[in-house]
Amino acid sequence: PFLGSGTTTLAAKNLDRNSVGYEINSEFVPLIKEKLSINHKDIFDENAYDFITQKKQKINFVKELENLPYKYIDPHNFNKKVDPKKFQFGSKLDKNGSKREEYFSIKEVLSPELVKLDNDLTIRLIGVKEKTEINGKAKEYLISKTKGQKVFLKFDEQKYDEKNQLLCYLYLQNKTFINAHLIKEKLVTVDTSINFKYKTKFLHLVTNQNG
């Protein structure tokens, strides 16, 4: 369907075959005519050539898409900043039956705020701020909770912090909410530097501790 410089049509001509070609770039026309010797046609050449220019059509592609009998919407939302190769889809469906949970293992606990997944992606736990005086205890807690466990991630409106680290809520496969448990166990404080969905609930956990 793409005529290019006309080589295929020339082959058809040499084999006494009919040929129909389409070319979107009009700049190829002189080259095609030259290759087929149209401008200095041989007296014994009985071939007929027609060059037809298609009339420009105004097409509303938005309306054309709306008129399609079906529309495919990818159920998986990938953020361009995250390498999709680092995510492997699990087979478990959530209760709505419409989304997949992606399961990972924890490769390394870097701090109470940062963990590295088995795909080498480092994530930052939303709403968690380490207490430097008990930093070791918080890391030990995270290691003991996640060792040998499958985990999955959930996200908030803000996807990255100022250091371009992926912000996540971390859950065990049994739906234990790790971010909240770290706060509940008094191992970390609430990071109030950003807004997030569970900010009020996290602060309420701290209030209950003090009460």
N, C-alpha and C. Protein backbone atom coordinates (compact mmCIF):
# COMPACT_ATOMS: atom_id res chain seq x y z
N PRO A 1 0.81 -1.22 0.00
CA PRO A 1 0.00 0.00 0.00
C PRO A 1 0.85 1.27 0.00
N PHE A 2 2.13 1.20 0.42
CA PHE A 2 2.98 2.39 0.44
C PHE A 2 3.94 2.31 -0.75
N LEU A 3 3.73 3.17 -1.70
CA LEU A 3 4.41 3.06 -2.99
C LEU A 3 5.88 3.46 -2.91
N GLY A 4 6.20 4.41 -2.06
CA GLY A 4 7.59 4.83 -1.94
C GLY A 4 8.12 5.39 -3.24
N SER A 5 9.25 4.86 -3.70
CA SER A 5 9.86 5.36 -4.93
C SER A 5 9.35 4.64 -6.18
N GLY A 6 8.44 3.68 -6.01
CA GLY A 6 7.82 3.02 -7.15
C GLY A 6 8.49 1.74 -7.61
N THR A 7 9.38 1.18 -6.80
CA THR A 7 10.10 -0.04 -7.19
C THR A 7 9.15 -1.21 -7.44
N THR A 8 8.14 -1.36 -6.59
CA THR A 8 7.19 -2.47 -6.75
C THR A 8 6.39 -2.32 -8.04
N THR A 9 5.99 -1.09 -8.34
CA THR A 9 5.25 -0.85 -9.58
C THR A 9 6.13 -1.12 -10.80
N LEU A 10 7.40 -0.78 -10.71
CA LEU A 10 8.33 -1.06 -11.80
C LEU A 10 8.46 -2.57 -12.03
N ALA A 11 8.52 -3.33 -10.93
CA ALA A 11 8.60 -4.79 -11.04
C ALA A 11 7.33 -5.33 -11.69
N ALA A 12 6.17 -4.78 -11.32
CA ALA A 12 4.91 -5.21 -11.93
C ALA A 12 4.90 -4.90 -13.42
N LYS A 13 5.41 -3.73 -13.78
CA LYS A 13 5.49 -3.34 -15.19
C LYS A 13 6.35 -4.32 -15.98
N ASN A 14 7.50 -4.67 -15.43
CA ASN A 14 8.42 -5.58 -16.12
C ASN A 14 7.86 -6.99 -16.26
N LEU A 15 6.92 -7.34 -15.37
CA LEU A 15 6.31 -8.68 -15.41
C LEU A 15 4.94 -8.65 -16.09
N ASP A 16 4.61 -7.51 -16.69
CA ASP A 16 3.30 -7.35 -17.36
C ASP A 16 2.15 -7.59 -16.39
N ARG A 17 2.28 -7.02 -15.21
CA ARG A 17 1.23 -7.14 -14.19
C ARG A 17 0.65 -5.76 -13.91
N ASN A 18 -0.61 -5.76 -13.45
CA ASN A 18 -1.23 -4.51 -13.02
C ASN A 18 -0.73 -4.16 -11.62
N SER A 19 -0.71 -2.89 -11.32
CA SER A 19 -0.22 -2.46 -10.02
C SER A 19 -1.01 -1.25 -9.54
N VAL A 20 -1.35 -1.28 -8.25
CA VAL A 20 -2.01 -0.13 -7.61
C VAL A 20 -1.20 0.21 -6.36
N GLY A 21 -0.84 1.46 -6.25
CA GLY A 21 -0.05 1.87 -5.09
C GLY A 21 -0.58 3.14 -4.46
N TYR A 22 -0.32 3.29 -3.15
CA TYR A 22 -0.73 4.48 -2.42
C TYR A 22 0.50 5.10 -1.77
N GLU A 23 0.60 6.40 -1.84
CA GLU A 23 1.72 7.07 -1.19
C GLU A 23 1.24 8.39 -0.61
N ILE A 24 1.51 8.57 0.69
CA ILE A 24 1.03 9.77 1.38
C ILE A 24 1.91 10.99 1.09
N ASN A 25 3.16 10.73 0.72
CA ASN A 25 4.11 11.83 0.49
C ASN A 25 4.15 12.17 -1.00
N SER A 26 3.62 13.32 -1.36
CA SER A 26 3.54 13.73 -2.77
C SER A 26 4.91 14.01 -3.38
N GLU A 27 5.93 14.19 -2.53
CA GLU A 27 7.28 14.46 -3.05
C GLU A 27 7.88 13.26 -3.78
N PHE A 28 7.28 12.08 -3.59
CA PHE A 28 7.77 10.88 -4.27
C PHE A 28 7.30 10.80 -5.72
N VAL A 29 6.27 11.57 -6.08
CA VAL A 29 5.67 11.44 -7.41
C VAL A 29 6.69 11.64 -8.54
N PRO A 30 7.50 12.71 -8.53
CA PRO A 30 8.49 12.87 -9.61
C PRO A 30 9.46 11.70 -9.68
N LEU A 31 9.85 11.16 -8.54
CA LEU A 31 10.78 10.03 -8.50
C LEU A 31 10.13 8.78 -9.10
N ILE A 32 8.85 8.58 -8.78
CA ILE A 32 8.12 7.43 -9.32
C ILE A 32 8.02 7.54 -10.84
N LYS A 33 7.67 8.73 -11.31
CA LYS A 33 7.53 8.93 -12.76
C LYS A 33 8.86 8.72 -13.48
N GLU A 34 9.94 9.15 -12.83
CA GLU A 34 11.26 8.96 -13.42
C GLU A 34 11.61 7.48 -13.49
N LYS A 35 11.30 6.75 -12.43
CA LYS A 35 11.63 5.32 -12.39
C LYS A 35 10.84 4.54 -13.43
N LEU A 36 9.60 4.97 -13.69
CA LEU A 36 8.74 4.28 -14.66
C LEU A 36 8.91 4.83 -16.07
N SER A 37 9.82 5.82 -16.20
CA SER A 37 10.11 6.43 -17.52
C SER A 37 8.85 7.04 -18.14
N ILE A 38 8.01 7.62 -17.31
CA ILE A 38 6.76 8.19 -17.81
C ILE A 38 7.01 9.47 -18.60
N ASN A 39 7.96 10.29 -18.15
CA ASN A 39 8.21 11.58 -18.80
C ASN A 39 8.88 11.43 -20.16
N HIS A 40 9.57 10.31 -20.39
CA HIS A 40 10.17 10.04 -21.70
C HIS A 40 9.80 8.61 -22.09
N LYS A 41 8.50 8.44 -22.29
CA LYS A 41 7.92 7.12 -22.52
C LYS A 41 8.39 6.52 -23.84
N ASP A 42 8.71 5.23 -23.77
CA ASP A 42 9.11 4.49 -24.96
C ASP A 42 7.92 4.34 -25.90
N ILE A 43 8.15 4.45 -27.20
CA ILE A 43 7.07 4.39 -28.18
C ILE A 43 6.34 3.04 -28.16
N PHE A 44 7.06 2.01 -27.73
CA PHE A 44 6.45 0.67 -27.70
C PHE A 44 5.82 0.35 -26.33
N ASP A 45 5.91 1.29 -25.40
CA ASP A 45 5.34 1.07 -24.06
C ASP A 45 3.84 1.34 -24.11
N GLU A 46 3.04 0.28 -23.97
CA GLU A 46 1.59 0.42 -24.05
C GLU A 46 0.94 0.53 -22.67
N ASN A 47 1.74 0.63 -21.64
CA ASN A 47 1.19 0.72 -20.28
C ASN A 47 0.55 2.09 -20.06
N ALA A 48 -0.53 2.09 -19.29
CA ALA A 48 -1.22 3.34 -18.94
C ALA A 48 -1.01 3.62 -17.46
N TYR A 49 -0.78 4.89 -17.15
CA TYR A 49 -0.53 5.27 -15.76
C TYR A 49 -1.49 6.38 -15.36
N ASP A 50 -2.08 6.24 -14.21
CA ASP A 50 -2.96 7.29 -13.67
C ASP A 50 -2.46 7.68 -12.29
N PHE A 51 -2.28 8.97 -12.08
CA PHE A 51 -1.91 9.49 -10.76
C PHE A 51 -3.09 10.29 -10.23
N ILE A 52 -3.70 9.80 -9.18
CA ILE A 52 -4.91 10.41 -8.64
C ILE A 52 -4.60 10.99 -7.26
N THR A 53 -4.90 12.26 -7.10
CA THR A 53 -4.70 12.91 -5.80
C THR A 53 -5.99 12.85 -5.00
N GLN A 54 -5.90 12.27 -3.84
CA GLN A 54 -7.09 12.15 -2.99
C GLN A 54 -7.46 13.50 -2.39
N LYS A 55 -8.74 13.79 -2.39
CA LYS A 55 -9.20 15.04 -1.80
C LYS A 55 -9.05 14.98 -0.28
N LYS A 56 -8.63 16.09 0.28
CA LYS A 56 -8.46 16.15 1.73
C LYS A 56 -9.81 16.05 2.42
N GLN A 57 -9.85 15.24 3.46
CA GLN A 57 -11.09 15.04 4.20
C GLN A 57 -10.93 15.55 5.63
N LYS A 58 -11.95 16.24 6.07
CA LYS A 58 -11.95 16.70 7.46
C LYS A 58 -12.63 15.63 8.31
N ILE A 59 -11.84 14.97 9.12
CA ILE A 59 -12.36 13.87 9.94
C ILE A 59 -12.26 14.25 11.41
N ASN A 60 -13.36 14.13 12.10
CA ASN A 60 -13.38 14.35 13.55
C ASN A 60 -13.08 13.01 14.22
N PHE A 61 -11.81 12.79 14.57
CA PHE A 61 -11.41 11.49 15.09
C PHE A 61 -12.01 11.20 16.46
N VAL A 62 -12.30 12.26 17.23
CA VAL A 62 -12.93 12.06 18.54
C VAL A 62 -14.31 11.43 18.36
N LYS A 63 -15.08 11.97 17.40
CA LYS A 63 -16.41 11.41 17.13
C LYS A 63 -16.32 10.01 16.55
N GLU A 64 -15.32 9.80 15.69
CA GLU A 64 -15.15 8.48 15.10
C GLU A 64 -14.87 7.43 16.17
N LEU A 65 -14.06 7.81 17.17
CA LEU A 65 -13.76 6.89 18.27
C LEU A 65 -14.99 6.60 19.10
N GLU A 66 -15.82 7.65 19.30
CA GLU A 66 -17.04 7.47 20.09
C GLU A 66 -18.03 6.54 19.39
N ASN A 67 -17.95 6.47 18.07
CA ASN A 67 -18.87 5.63 17.30
C ASN A 67 -18.42 4.18 17.18
N LEU A 68 -17.23 3.89 17.70
CA LEU A 68 -16.75 2.51 17.65
C LEU A 68 -17.66 1.60 18.48
N PRO A 69 -17.83 0.35 18.07
CA PRO A 69 -18.74 -0.56 18.80
C PRO A 69 -18.23 -0.93 20.19
N TYR A 70 -16.94 -0.73 20.45
CA TYR A 70 -16.40 -1.02 21.77
C TYR A 70 -15.21 -0.10 22.01
N LYS A 71 -14.85 0.05 23.26
CA LYS A 71 -13.69 0.87 23.63
C LYS A 71 -12.92 0.13 24.71
N TYR A 72 -11.63 -0.13 24.46
CA TYR A 72 -10.80 -0.84 25.43
C TYR A 72 -10.14 0.16 26.38
N ILE A 73 -10.27 -0.09 27.66
CA ILE A 73 -9.61 0.74 28.67
C ILE A 73 -8.71 -0.17 29.49
N ASP A 74 -7.42 0.12 29.48
CA ASP A 74 -6.46 -0.70 30.22
C ASP A 74 -6.72 -0.55 31.72
N PRO A 75 -6.98 -1.66 32.43
CA PRO A 75 -7.27 -1.57 33.87
C PRO A 75 -6.05 -1.25 34.72
N HIS A 76 -4.86 -1.32 34.14
CA HIS A 76 -3.64 -1.09 34.91
C HIS A 76 -3.08 0.28 34.58
N ASN A 77 -2.97 1.12 35.60
CA ASN A 77 -2.43 2.47 35.42
C ASN A 77 -0.95 2.47 35.74
N PHE A 78 -0.13 2.74 34.74
CA PHE A 78 1.31 2.79 34.95
C PHE A 78 1.78 4.23 35.01
N ASN A 79 2.57 4.52 36.01
CA ASN A 79 3.17 5.85 36.07
C ASN A 79 4.45 5.83 35.26
N LYS A 80 4.65 6.85 34.44
CA LYS A 80 5.80 6.87 33.54
C LYS A 80 7.13 6.89 34.28
N LYS A 81 7.12 7.34 35.54
CA LYS A 81 8.38 7.42 36.27
C LYS A 81 8.81 6.05 36.80
N VAL A 82 7.90 5.10 36.81
CA VAL A 82 8.21 3.77 37.33
C VAL A 82 8.38 2.80 36.17
N ASP A 83 9.45 2.05 36.19
CA ASP A 83 9.70 1.07 35.14
C ASP A 83 8.70 -0.07 35.26
N PRO A 84 7.79 -0.24 34.28
CA PRO A 84 6.77 -1.29 34.38
C PRO A 84 7.35 -2.69 34.42
N LYS A 85 8.61 -2.86 33.96
CA LYS A 85 9.24 -4.17 34.00
C LYS A 85 9.49 -4.63 35.43
N LYS A 86 9.49 -3.67 36.37
CA LYS A 86 9.75 -4.02 37.76
C LYS A 86 8.50 -4.52 38.47
N PHE A 87 7.37 -4.48 37.79
CA PHE A 87 6.13 -4.94 38.39
C PHE A 87 5.70 -6.24 37.74
N GLN A 88 5.40 -7.23 38.56
CA GLN A 88 4.86 -8.50 38.09
C GLN A 88 3.46 -8.64 38.66
N PHE A 89 2.49 -8.90 37.81
CA PHE A 89 1.11 -8.95 38.28
C PHE A 89 0.82 -10.25 39.01
N GLY A 90 0.21 -10.13 40.19
CA GLY A 90 -0.24 -11.30 40.93
C GLY A 90 -1.54 -11.80 40.34
N SER A 91 -2.02 -12.92 40.85
CA SER A 91 -3.22 -13.51 40.29
C SER A 91 -4.45 -13.25 41.14
N LYS A 92 -4.24 -12.68 42.34
CA LYS A 92 -5.37 -12.48 43.24
C LYS A 92 -6.14 -11.22 42.87
N LEU A 93 -7.45 -11.36 42.77
CA LEU A 93 -8.30 -10.21 42.49
C LEU A 93 -8.86 -9.66 43.79
N ASP A 94 -9.06 -8.36 43.83
CA ASP A 94 -9.64 -7.78 45.04
C ASP A 94 -11.14 -8.05 45.07
N LYS A 95 -11.81 -7.58 46.11
CA LYS A 95 -13.22 -7.91 46.31
C LYS A 95 -14.12 -7.35 45.21
N ASN A 96 -13.64 -6.30 44.50
CA ASN A 96 -14.43 -5.75 43.41
C ASN A 96 -14.26 -6.54 42.13
N GLY A 97 -13.23 -7.38 42.11
CA GLY A 97 -13.00 -8.22 40.94
C GLY A 97 -12.52 -7.46 39.73
N SER A 98 -12.09 -6.20 39.89
CA SER A 98 -11.72 -5.39 38.74
C SER A 98 -10.26 -5.00 38.73
N LYS A 99 -9.56 -5.15 39.86
CA LYS A 99 -8.16 -4.75 39.91
C LYS A 99 -7.32 -5.91 40.42
N ARG A 100 -6.09 -5.95 39.94
CA ARG A 100 -5.16 -6.96 40.41
C ARG A 100 -4.26 -6.36 41.48
N GLU A 101 -3.93 -7.18 42.47
CA GLU A 101 -2.96 -6.77 43.46
C GLU A 101 -1.61 -7.33 43.04
N GLU A 102 -0.60 -6.49 43.03
CA GLU A 102 0.73 -6.92 42.63
C GLU A 102 1.53 -7.24 43.89
N TYR A 103 2.01 -8.45 43.99
CA TYR A 103 2.68 -8.88 45.20
C TYR A 103 4.20 -8.86 45.05
N PHE A 104 4.85 -8.45 46.14
CA PHE A 104 6.30 -8.35 46.16
C PHE A 104 6.82 -8.94 47.47
N SER A 105 8.13 -9.08 47.52
CA SER A 105 8.81 -9.41 48.77
C SER A 105 9.72 -8.24 49.12
N ILE A 106 10.04 -8.11 50.40
CA ILE A 106 10.95 -7.05 50.83
C ILE A 106 12.38 -7.57 50.75
N LYS A 107 13.19 -6.93 49.94
CA LYS A 107 14.59 -7.33 49.79
C LYS A 107 15.45 -6.75 50.90
N GLU A 108 15.15 -5.49 51.29
CA GLU A 108 15.96 -4.84 52.32
C GLU A 108 15.18 -3.71 52.96
N VAL A 109 15.28 -3.61 54.28
CA VAL A 109 14.71 -2.47 55.01
C VAL A 109 15.83 -1.47 55.19
N LEU A 110 15.75 -0.36 54.49
CA LEU A 110 16.81 0.65 54.52
C LEU A 110 16.68 1.56 55.74
N SER A 111 15.44 1.83 56.13
CA SER A 111 15.13 2.67 57.29
C SER A 111 13.65 2.46 57.59
N PRO A 112 13.14 3.03 58.69
CA PRO A 112 11.70 2.91 58.95
C PRO A 112 10.84 3.54 57.85
N GLU A 113 11.45 4.41 57.05
CA GLU A 113 10.71 5.09 55.99
C GLU A 113 10.90 4.44 54.62
N LEU A 114 12.05 3.81 54.41
CA LEU A 114 12.41 3.32 53.08
C LEU A 114 12.63 1.81 53.08
N VAL A 115 12.03 1.14 52.09
CA VAL A 115 12.27 -0.29 51.91
C VAL A 115 12.53 -0.57 50.44
N LYS A 116 13.34 -1.59 50.19
CA LYS A 116 13.64 -1.99 48.82
C LYS A 116 12.91 -3.29 48.52
N LEU A 117 12.18 -3.31 47.41
CA LEU A 117 11.43 -4.50 47.01
C LEU A 117 12.32 -5.49 46.29
N ASP A 118 11.79 -6.69 46.04
CA ASP A 118 12.59 -7.73 45.38
C ASP A 118 12.88 -7.41 43.92
N ASN A 119 12.26 -6.36 43.38
CA ASN A 119 12.57 -5.93 42.01
C ASN A 119 13.54 -4.74 42.01
N ASP A 120 14.13 -4.47 43.20
CA ASP A 120 15.11 -3.39 43.40
C ASP A 120 14.51 -2.00 43.35
N LEU A 121 13.19 -1.90 43.41
CA LEU A 121 12.53 -0.60 43.48
C LEU A 121 12.46 -0.16 44.94
N THR A 122 12.98 1.03 45.23
CA THR A 122 12.94 1.57 46.59
C THR A 122 11.70 2.44 46.74
N ILE A 123 10.93 2.19 47.79
CA ILE A 123 9.71 2.96 48.04
C ILE A 123 9.79 3.64 49.41
N ARG A 124 9.04 4.71 49.54
CA ARG A 124 8.98 5.44 50.81
C ARG A 124 7.57 5.28 51.38
N LEU A 125 7.48 4.94 52.65
CA LEU A 125 6.19 4.74 53.29
C LEU A 125 5.53 6.08 53.58
N ILE A 126 4.31 6.25 53.10
CA ILE A 126 3.58 7.51 53.27
C ILE A 126 3.23 7.73 54.74
N GLY A 127 3.44 8.96 55.20
CA GLY A 127 3.02 9.35 56.54
C GLY A 127 3.93 8.88 57.66
N VAL A 128 5.05 8.26 57.31
CA VAL A 128 5.96 7.69 58.31
C VAL A 128 7.22 8.55 58.42
N LYS A 129 7.55 8.95 59.65
CA LYS A 129 8.77 9.71 59.90
C LYS A 129 9.52 9.04 61.05
N GLU A 130 10.76 8.68 60.78
CA GLU A 130 11.50 7.90 61.77
C GLU A 130 11.85 8.71 63.02
N LYS A 131 11.87 8.01 64.14
CA LYS A 131 12.36 8.58 65.39
C LYS A 131 13.82 8.14 65.51
N THR A 132 14.72 9.08 65.36
CA THR A 132 16.14 8.71 65.33
C THR A 132 16.60 8.01 66.60
N GLU A 133 15.96 8.35 67.72
CA GLU A 133 16.40 7.76 68.99
C GLU A 133 16.05 6.28 69.11
N ILE A 134 15.02 5.83 68.33
CA ILE A 134 14.66 4.40 68.38
C ILE A 134 14.65 3.81 66.97
N ASN A 135 15.49 4.36 66.14
CA ASN A 135 15.54 3.94 64.74
C ASN A 135 15.75 2.44 64.59
N GLY A 136 16.64 1.88 65.41
CA GLY A 136 16.94 0.45 65.33
C GLY A 136 15.73 -0.42 65.60
N LYS A 137 14.91 -0.03 66.58
CA LYS A 137 13.73 -0.82 66.94
C LYS A 137 12.71 -0.82 65.80
N ALA A 138 12.56 0.33 65.15
CA ALA A 138 11.61 0.44 64.05
C ALA A 138 12.03 -0.45 62.88
N LYS A 139 13.34 -0.47 62.59
CA LYS A 139 13.84 -1.31 61.50
C LYS A 139 13.64 -2.79 61.83
N GLU A 140 13.93 -3.15 63.09
CA GLU A 140 13.76 -4.54 63.51
C GLU A 140 12.30 -4.97 63.38
N TYR A 141 11.39 -4.06 63.74
CA TYR A 141 9.96 -4.35 63.65
C TYR A 141 9.56 -4.59 62.19
N LEU A 142 10.04 -3.72 61.30
CA LEU A 142 9.73 -3.86 59.88
C LEU A 142 10.27 -5.17 59.32
N ILE A 143 11.50 -5.50 59.69
CA ILE A 143 12.13 -6.73 59.20
C ILE A 143 11.35 -7.95 59.68
N SER A 144 10.98 -7.95 60.97
CA SER A 144 10.27 -9.11 61.53
C SER A 144 8.87 -9.25 60.92
N LYS A 145 8.22 -8.13 60.64
CA LYS A 145 6.86 -8.17 60.09
C LYS A 145 6.83 -8.63 58.63
N THR A 146 7.86 -8.25 57.88
CA THR A 146 7.83 -8.49 56.43
C THR A 146 8.67 -9.69 55.99
N LYS A 147 9.48 -10.25 56.89
CA LYS A 147 10.35 -11.36 56.52
C LYS A 147 9.53 -12.56 56.05
N GLY A 148 9.81 -13.01 54.84
CA GLY A 148 9.12 -14.17 54.28
C GLY A 148 7.68 -13.90 53.88
N GLN A 149 7.27 -12.64 53.93
CA GLN A 149 5.88 -12.28 53.63
C GLN A 149 5.76 -11.66 52.23
N LYS A 150 4.61 -11.83 51.63
CA LYS A 150 4.28 -11.12 50.40
C LYS A 150 3.60 -9.81 50.78
N VAL A 151 3.93 -8.76 50.07
CA VAL A 151 3.35 -7.45 50.36
C VAL A 151 2.77 -6.86 49.07
N PHE A 152 1.87 -5.90 49.24
CA PHE A 152 1.37 -5.16 48.08
C PHE A 152 1.31 -3.68 48.43
N LEU A 153 1.22 -2.86 47.41
CA LEU A 153 1.29 -1.41 47.57
C LEU A 153 -0.02 -0.75 47.20
N LYS A 154 -0.28 0.38 47.86
CA LYS A 154 -1.37 1.27 47.44
C LYS A 154 -0.81 2.69 47.42
N PHE A 155 -1.45 3.54 46.63
CA PHE A 155 -0.90 4.87 46.40
C PHE A 155 -1.90 5.96 46.77
N ASP A 156 -1.38 7.16 46.91
CA ASP A 156 -2.21 8.32 47.22
C ASP A 156 -2.16 9.29 46.05
N GLU A 157 -2.75 10.47 46.23
CA GLU A 157 -2.76 11.46 45.15
C GLU A 157 -1.34 11.87 44.76
N GLN A 158 -0.50 12.14 45.77
CA GLN A 158 0.89 12.50 45.50
C GLN A 158 1.70 11.22 45.36
N LYS A 159 2.32 11.04 44.21
CA LYS A 159 3.02 9.79 43.92
C LYS A 159 4.51 9.83 44.29
N TYR A 160 5.10 11.02 44.35
CA TYR A 160 6.53 11.12 44.60
C TYR A 160 6.84 12.23 45.59
N ASP A 161 7.93 12.04 46.35
CA ASP A 161 8.36 13.09 47.26
C ASP A 161 9.36 14.00 46.55
N GLU A 162 9.96 14.92 47.30
CA GLU A 162 10.88 15.89 46.69
C GLU A 162 12.15 15.24 46.16
N LYS A 163 12.45 14.02 46.61
CA LYS A 163 13.62 13.30 46.11
C LYS A 163 13.26 12.31 45.01
N ASN A 164 12.04 12.43 44.52
CA ASN A 164 11.54 11.58 43.44
C ASN A 164 11.42 10.11 43.86
N GLN A 165 11.17 9.89 45.16
CA GLN A 165 10.97 8.53 45.66
C GLN A 165 9.48 8.21 45.61
N LEU A 166 9.16 6.99 45.20
CA LEU A 166 7.78 6.56 45.07
C LEU A 166 7.13 6.43 46.45
N LEU A 167 6.01 7.12 46.66
CA LEU A 167 5.30 7.11 47.94
C LEU A 167 4.25 6.02 47.94
N CYS A 168 4.24 5.20 49.00
CA CYS A 168 3.33 4.05 49.03
C CYS A 168 2.78 3.79 50.43
N TYR A 169 1.60 3.15 50.44
CA TYR A 169 1.10 2.49 51.64
C TYR A 169 1.49 1.03 51.48
N LEU A 170 2.07 0.46 52.52
CA LEU A 170 2.56 -0.91 52.45
C LEU A 170 1.65 -1.85 53.25
N TYR A 171 1.21 -2.92 52.59
CA TYR A 171 0.32 -3.90 53.23
C TYR A 171 0.91 -5.30 53.10
N LEU A 172 0.73 -6.09 54.16
CA LEU A 172 1.02 -7.51 54.04
C LEU A 172 -0.10 -8.16 53.24
N GLN A 173 0.13 -9.38 52.79
CA GLN A 173 -0.87 -10.08 51.99
C GLN A 173 -2.18 -10.26 52.76
N ASN A 174 -2.09 -10.35 54.10
CA ASN A 174 -3.30 -10.49 54.91
C ASN A 174 -3.95 -9.14 55.22
N LYS A 175 -3.48 -8.08 54.50
CA LYS A 175 -4.02 -6.72 54.59
C LYS A 175 -3.62 -5.97 55.86
N THR A 176 -2.59 -6.43 56.56
CA THR A 176 -2.04 -5.67 57.68
C THR A 176 -1.41 -4.39 57.14
N PHE A 177 -1.85 -3.25 57.68
CA PHE A 177 -1.44 -1.94 57.20
C PHE A 177 -0.15 -1.53 57.93
N ILE A 178 0.99 -1.73 57.30
CA ILE A 178 2.29 -1.53 57.94
C ILE A 178 2.51 -0.09 58.37
N ASN A 179 2.17 0.88 57.53
CA ASN A 179 2.37 2.30 57.88
C ASN A 179 1.67 2.61 59.20
N ALA A 180 0.41 2.20 59.31
CA ALA A 180 -0.37 2.49 60.51
C ALA A 180 0.17 1.76 61.73
N HIS A 181 0.62 0.52 61.54
CA HIS A 181 1.13 -0.26 62.68
C HIS A 181 2.42 0.33 63.23
N LEU A 182 3.26 0.88 62.37
CA LEU A 182 4.48 1.53 62.84
C LEU A 182 4.15 2.70 63.77
N ILE A 183 3.12 3.45 63.41
CA ILE A 183 2.70 4.60 64.23
C ILE A 183 2.02 4.12 65.51
N LYS A 184 1.16 3.12 65.37
CA LYS A 184 0.44 2.59 66.53
C LYS A 184 1.39 2.03 67.58
N GLU A 185 2.50 1.42 67.12
CA GLU A 185 3.47 0.83 68.05
C GLU A 185 4.46 1.87 68.59
N LYS A 186 4.25 3.15 68.27
CA LYS A 186 5.08 4.27 68.74
C LYS A 186 6.53 4.17 68.26
N LEU A 187 6.72 3.52 67.12
CA LEU A 187 8.06 3.34 66.58
C LEU A 187 8.46 4.48 65.64
N VAL A 188 7.47 5.22 65.15
CA VAL A 188 7.71 6.36 64.26
C VAL A 188 6.71 7.45 64.61
N THR A 189 6.94 8.63 64.06
CA THR A 189 5.97 9.72 64.19
C THR A 189 5.29 9.93 62.84
N VAL A 190 4.28 10.78 62.83
CA VAL A 190 3.54 11.05 61.60
C VAL A 190 4.25 12.14 60.80
N ASP A 191 4.50 11.86 59.55
CA ASP A 191 5.11 12.85 58.66
C ASP A 191 4.00 13.79 58.17
N THR A 192 4.04 15.03 58.61
CA THR A 192 2.99 16.00 58.24
C THR A 192 3.46 16.95 57.14
N SER A 193 4.59 16.64 56.51
CA SER A 193 5.13 17.54 55.49
C SER A 193 4.33 17.50 54.19
N ILE A 194 3.54 16.44 54.00
CA ILE A 194 2.70 16.34 52.80
C ILE A 194 1.28 15.97 53.22
N ASN A 195 0.34 16.22 52.33
CA ASN A 195 -1.04 15.81 52.58
C ASN A 195 -1.27 14.41 52.02
N PHE A 196 -1.99 13.60 52.77
CA PHE A 196 -2.31 12.25 52.30
C PHE A 196 -3.62 11.80 52.93
N LYS A 197 -4.20 10.78 52.37
CA LYS A 197 -5.56 10.35 52.71
C LYS A 197 -5.74 9.99 54.18
N TYR A 198 -4.76 9.33 54.77
CA TYR A 198 -4.90 8.84 56.14
C TYR A 198 -4.24 9.75 57.17
N LYS A 199 -3.95 10.96 56.81
CA LYS A 199 -3.23 11.87 57.70
C LYS A 199 -3.97 12.07 59.02
N THR A 200 -5.26 12.35 58.96
CA THR A 200 -6.06 12.56 60.17
C THR A 200 -6.10 11.31 61.03
N LYS A 201 -6.26 10.16 60.40
CA LYS A 201 -6.32 8.89 61.15
C LYS A 201 -4.98 8.58 61.81
N PHE A 202 -3.88 8.87 61.11
CA PHE A 202 -2.56 8.64 61.69
C PHE A 202 -2.34 9.54 62.90
N LEU A 203 -2.73 10.81 62.77
CA LEU A 203 -2.58 11.74 63.88
C LEU A 203 -3.48 11.33 65.05
N HIS A 204 -4.62 10.76 64.73
CA HIS A 204 -5.54 10.28 65.77
C HIS A 204 -4.91 9.12 66.55
N LEU A 205 -4.14 8.28 65.86
CA LEU A 205 -3.44 7.18 66.53
C LEU A 205 -2.44 7.72 67.55
N VAL A 206 -1.76 8.82 67.18
CA VAL A 206 -0.79 9.44 68.09
C VAL A 206 -1.51 10.05 69.29
N THR A 207 -2.65 10.68 69.04
CA THR A 207 -3.44 11.28 70.13
C THR A 207 -3.89 10.22 71.12
N ASN A 208 -4.31 9.08 70.60
CA ASN A 208 -4.74 7.98 71.48
C ASN A 208 -3.59 7.46 72.32
N GLN A 209 -2.38 7.47 71.74
CA GLN A 209 -1.20 7.03 72.49
C GLN A 209 -0.94 7.96 73.67
N ASN A 210 -1.04 9.27 73.39
CA ASN A 210 -0.77 10.26 74.43
C ASN A 210 -1.87 10.29 75.48
N GLY A 211 -3.09 9.91 75.03
CA GLY A 211 -4.21 9.92 75.97
C GLY A 211 -4.12 8.75 76.92
